[in-house]
Amino acid sequence: MPKYVIQKHDASNLHYDLRLEFDGVLKSWAVPKKPPKKPGVKRLAIKVEDHSIEYGEFEGEIKEGYGKGTVEIWDKGEFELIDRKEEKIVVEIKGEKLQGKYTVLKTDYEGGDKWLFFKNK
């Protein structure tokens, strides 16, 4: 099964990095608020560059440059792909903190690469 991880990243702004393994990389989104555990709670998720699979194990201090700050693994596990389209991904997350069906959905909110991350009902 593909890997799933959320890293808590205390950089210039505290956020959570959602990472899902696809095509040999971790597709990644920065989520400004704590990931949702209950259905109906939607979180903004900003698409960022892909990361290597190995980066999903990283915890520690980024000392310089973009992303400077502390990274810790907030949740990890695996996921099962339910549906994947260009602007919508539905997965069954099997993490330590998050469990269940989640959607990552592209929006038109303020342009850019903005998505929503939420737990399905």
C-alpha atoms as a PDB file:
ATOM      1  CA  MET A   1       0.000   0.000   0.000  1.00  0.00           C
ATOM      2  CA  PRO A   2       1.195   3.543  -0.659  1.00  0.00           C
ATOM      3  CA  LYS A   3       2.491   5.694   2.179  1.00  0.00           C
ATOM      4  CA  TYR A   4       0.707   8.573   3.844  1.00  0.00           C
ATOM      5  CA  VAL A   5       2.253  11.059   6.260  1.00  0.00           C
ATOM      6  CA  ILE A   6       1.433  14.396   7.839  1.00  0.00           C
ATOM      7  CA  GLN A   7       4.395  16.371   9.139  1.00  0.00           C
ATOM      8  CA  LYS A   8       3.833  19.190  11.621  1.00  0.00           C
ATOM      9  CA  HIS A   9       6.083  22.000  10.368  1.00  0.00           C
ATOM     10  CA  ASP A  10       6.796  24.885  12.725  1.00  0.00           C
ATOM     11  CA  ALA A  11       8.291  27.291  10.176  1.00  0.00           C
ATOM     12  CA  SER A  12       7.483  31.005   9.809  1.00  0.00           C
ATOM     13  CA  ASN A  13       3.858  29.841  10.226  1.00  0.00           C
ATOM     14  CA  LEU A  14       2.886  26.588  11.930  1.00  0.00           C
ATOM     15  CA  HIS A  15       1.254  24.265   9.401  1.00  0.00           C
ATOM     16  CA  TYR A  16       0.831  20.591   8.563  1.00  0.00           C
ATOM     17  CA  ASP A  17       2.266  19.008   5.408  1.00  0.00           C
ATOM     18  CA  LEU A  18      -0.032  16.350   3.939  1.00  0.00           C
ATOM     19  CA  ARG A  19       1.894  13.856   1.803  1.00  0.00           C
ATOM     20  CA  LEU A  20       0.474  11.022  -0.318  1.00  0.00           C
ATOM     21  CA  GLU A  21       2.632   8.594  -2.298  1.00  0.00           C
ATOM     22  CA  PHE A  22       1.902   8.622  -6.029  1.00  0.00           C
ATOM     23  CA  ASP A  23       4.129   7.793  -9.004  1.00  0.00           C
ATOM     24  CA  GLY A  24       7.260   7.306  -6.870  1.00  0.00           C
ATOM     25  CA  VAL A  25       7.026  10.660  -5.057  1.00  0.00           C
ATOM     26  CA  LEU A  26       5.097  12.236  -2.200  1.00  0.00           C
ATOM     27  CA  LYS A  27       2.463  14.594  -3.600  1.00  0.00           C
ATOM     28  CA  SER A  28       2.314  17.379  -1.021  1.00  0.00           C
ATOM     29  CA  TRP A  29      -0.014  20.049   0.330  1.00  0.00           C
ATOM     30  CA  ALA A  30       0.554  22.590   3.113  1.00  0.00           C
ATOM     31  CA  VAL A  31      -2.463  22.663   5.448  1.00  0.00           C
ATOM     32  CA  PRO A  32      -2.499  25.828   7.629  1.00  0.00           C
ATOM     33  CA  LYS A  33      -4.750  24.347  10.350  1.00  0.00           C
ATOM     34  CA  LYS A  34      -4.791  21.029  12.205  1.00  0.00           C
ATOM     35  CA  PRO A  35      -6.021  18.207   9.924  1.00  0.00           C
ATOM     36  CA  PRO A  36      -9.709  17.322  10.324  1.00  0.00           C
ATOM     37  CA  LYS A  37     -10.749  14.247  12.282  1.00  0.00           C
ATOM     38  CA  LYS A  38     -14.509  14.760  11.913  1.00  0.00           C
ATOM     39  CA  PRO A  39     -16.690  14.893   8.780  1.00  0.00           C
ATOM     40  CA  GLY A  40     -17.825  18.366   7.747  1.00  0.00           C
ATOM     41  CA  VAL A  41     -14.597  20.122   8.768  1.00  0.00           C
ATOM     42  CA  LYS A  42     -12.789  21.422   5.672  1.00  0.00           C
ATOM     43  CA  ARG A  43      -9.220  22.647   5.618  1.00  0.00           C
ATOM     44  CA  LEU A  44      -7.468  24.756   3.030  1.00  0.00           C
ATOM     45  CA  ALA A  45      -4.594  22.782   1.445  1.00  0.00           C
ATOM     46  CA  ILE A  46      -2.040  24.592  -0.721  1.00  0.00           C
ATOM     47  CA  LYS A  47      -0.308  22.377  -3.302  1.00  0.00           C
ATOM     48  CA  VAL A  48       3.472  22.485  -2.964  1.00  0.00           C
ATOM     49  CA  GLU A  49       6.296  20.706  -4.784  1.00  0.00           C
ATOM     50  CA  ASP A  50       6.556  16.936  -4.717  1.00  0.00           C
ATOM     51  CA  HIS A  51       8.989  15.419  -2.214  1.00  0.00           C
ATOM     52  CA  SER A  52      11.011  12.206  -2.284  1.00  0.00           C
ATOM     53  CA  ILE A  53       9.523   9.143  -0.604  1.00  0.00           C
ATOM     54  CA  GLU A  54      12.393   9.211   1.914  1.00  0.00           C
ATOM     55  CA  TYR A  55      11.414  12.724   3.043  1.00  0.00           C
ATOM     56  CA  GLY A  56       8.274  11.231   4.591  1.00  0.00           C
ATOM     57  CA  GLU A  57      10.467   9.852   7.394  1.00  0.00           C
ATOM     58  CA  PHE A  58      12.151  13.203   8.133  1.00  0.00           C
ATOM     59  CA  GLU A  59      11.945  14.743  11.579  1.00  0.00           C
ATOM     60  CA  GLY A  60      14.302  17.451  12.730  1.00  0.00           C
ATOM     61  CA  GLU A  61      15.428  20.999  12.204  1.00  0.00           C
ATOM     62  CA  ILE A  62      15.653  22.763   8.844  1.00  0.00           C
ATOM     63  CA  LYS A  63      18.304  25.337   9.680  1.00  0.00           C
ATOM     64  CA  GLU A  64      18.320  27.649   6.642  1.00  0.00           C
ATOM     65  CA  GLY A  65      16.262  28.946   3.765  1.00  0.00           C
ATOM     66  CA  TYR A  66      12.707  28.219   2.746  1.00  0.00           C
ATOM     67  CA  GLY A  67      10.938  26.079   5.339  1.00  0.00           C
ATOM     68  CA  LYS A  68      13.378  26.898   8.126  1.00  0.00           C
ATOM     69  CA  GLY A  69      12.038  25.435  11.360  1.00  0.00           C
ATOM     70  CA  THR A  70      11.164  22.208  13.145  1.00  0.00           C
ATOM     71  CA  VAL A  71       9.528  19.217  11.427  1.00  0.00           C
ATOM     72  CA  GLU A  72       7.940  16.318  13.286  1.00  0.00           C
ATOM     73  CA  ILE A  73       5.769  13.461  12.100  1.00  0.00           C
ATOM     74  CA  TRP A  74       2.211  14.189  13.285  1.00  0.00           C
ATOM     75  CA  ASP A  75       0.616  11.121  11.695  1.00  0.00           C
ATOM     76  CA  LYS A  76       1.684   8.328   9.363  1.00  0.00           C
ATOM     77  CA  GLY A  77       0.416   5.147   7.831  1.00  0.00           C
ATOM     78  CA  GLU A  78      -0.875   3.945   4.508  1.00  0.00           C
ATOM     79  CA  PHE A  79      -3.762   4.746   2.256  1.00  0.00           C
ATOM     80  CA  GLU A  80      -5.922   3.040  -0.306  1.00  0.00           C
ATOM     81  CA  LEU A  81      -6.805   4.997  -3.439  1.00  0.00           C
ATOM     82  CA  ILE A  82     -10.554   5.140  -4.026  1.00  0.00           C
ATOM     83  CA  ASP A  83     -10.676   7.692  -6.874  1.00  0.00           C
ATOM     84  CA  ARG A  84      -8.156   9.961  -8.564  1.00  0.00           C
ATOM     85  CA  LYS A  85      -8.951  12.603 -11.111  1.00  0.00           C
ATOM     86  CA  GLU A  86      -6.973  15.684 -12.085  1.00  0.00           C
ATOM     87  CA  GLU A  87      -8.707  17.887  -9.521  1.00  0.00           C
ATOM     88  CA  LYS A  88     -10.003  15.354  -6.968  1.00  0.00           C
ATOM     89  CA  ILE A  89      -8.366  12.586  -4.959  1.00  0.00           C
ATOM     90  CA  VAL A  90     -10.349  10.307  -2.638  1.00  0.00           C
ATOM     91  CA  VAL A  91      -8.436   7.982  -0.318  1.00  0.00           C
ATOM     92  CA  GLU A  92      -9.035   5.715   2.650  1.00  0.00           C
ATOM     93  CA  ILE A  93      -6.429   6.796   5.205  1.00  0.00           C
ATOM     94  CA  LYS A  94      -5.133   4.189   7.621  1.00  0.00           C
ATOM     95  CA  GLY A  95      -3.046   6.337   9.931  1.00  0.00           C
ATOM     96  CA  GLU A  96      -2.399   6.420  13.639  1.00  0.00           C
ATOM     97  CA  LYS A  97      -4.507   9.583  14.184  1.00  0.00           C
ATOM     98  CA  LEU A  98      -6.548   9.854  10.988  1.00  0.00           C
ATOM     99  CA  GLN A  99      -8.739   6.978   9.854  1.00  0.00           C
ATOM    100  CA  GLY A 100     -11.365   6.855   7.140  1.00  0.00           C
ATOM    101  CA  LYS A 101     -12.213   8.297   3.752  1.00  0.00           C
ATOM    102  CA  TYR A 102     -10.731  11.700   2.923  1.00  0.00           C
ATOM    103  CA  THR A 103     -10.917  13.941  -0.128  1.00  0.00           C
ATOM    104  CA  VAL A 104      -8.414  16.434  -1.504  1.00  0.00           C
ATOM    105  CA  LEU A 105     -10.326  18.676  -3.928  1.00  0.00           C
ATOM    106  CA  LYS A 106      -9.026  21.529  -6.100  1.00  0.00           C
ATOM    107  CA  THR A 107     -10.917  24.809  -5.757  1.00  0.00           C
ATOM    108  CA  ASP A 108     -11.021  28.130  -7.579  1.00  0.00           C
ATOM    109  CA  TYR A 109     -10.539  29.981  -4.287  1.00  0.00           C
ATOM    110  CA  GLU A 110      -8.430  33.112  -4.942  1.00  0.00           C
ATOM    111  CA  GLY A 111      -6.693  31.451  -7.901  1.00  0.00           C
ATOM    112  CA  GLY A 112      -3.430  29.579  -7.431  1.00  0.00           C
ATOM    113  CA  ASP A 113      -3.133  25.945  -6.464  1.00  0.00           C
ATOM    114  CA  LYS A 114      -5.652  25.867  -3.610  1.00  0.00           C
ATOM    115  CA  TRP A 115      -7.349  22.657  -2.554  1.00  0.00           C
ATOM    116  CA  LEU A 116      -9.652  21.517   0.252  1.00  0.00           C
ATOM    117  CA  PHE A 117      -8.815  18.575   2.523  1.00  0.00           C
ATOM    118  CA  PHE A 118     -11.702  16.990   4.388  1.00  0.00           C
ATOM    119  CA  LYS A 119     -13.036  13.792   5.915  1.00  0.00           C
ATOM    120  CA  ASN A 120     -15.962  12.252   4.071  1.00  0.00           C
ATOM    121  CA  LYS A 121     -19.223  11.416   5.883  1.00  0.00           C
END
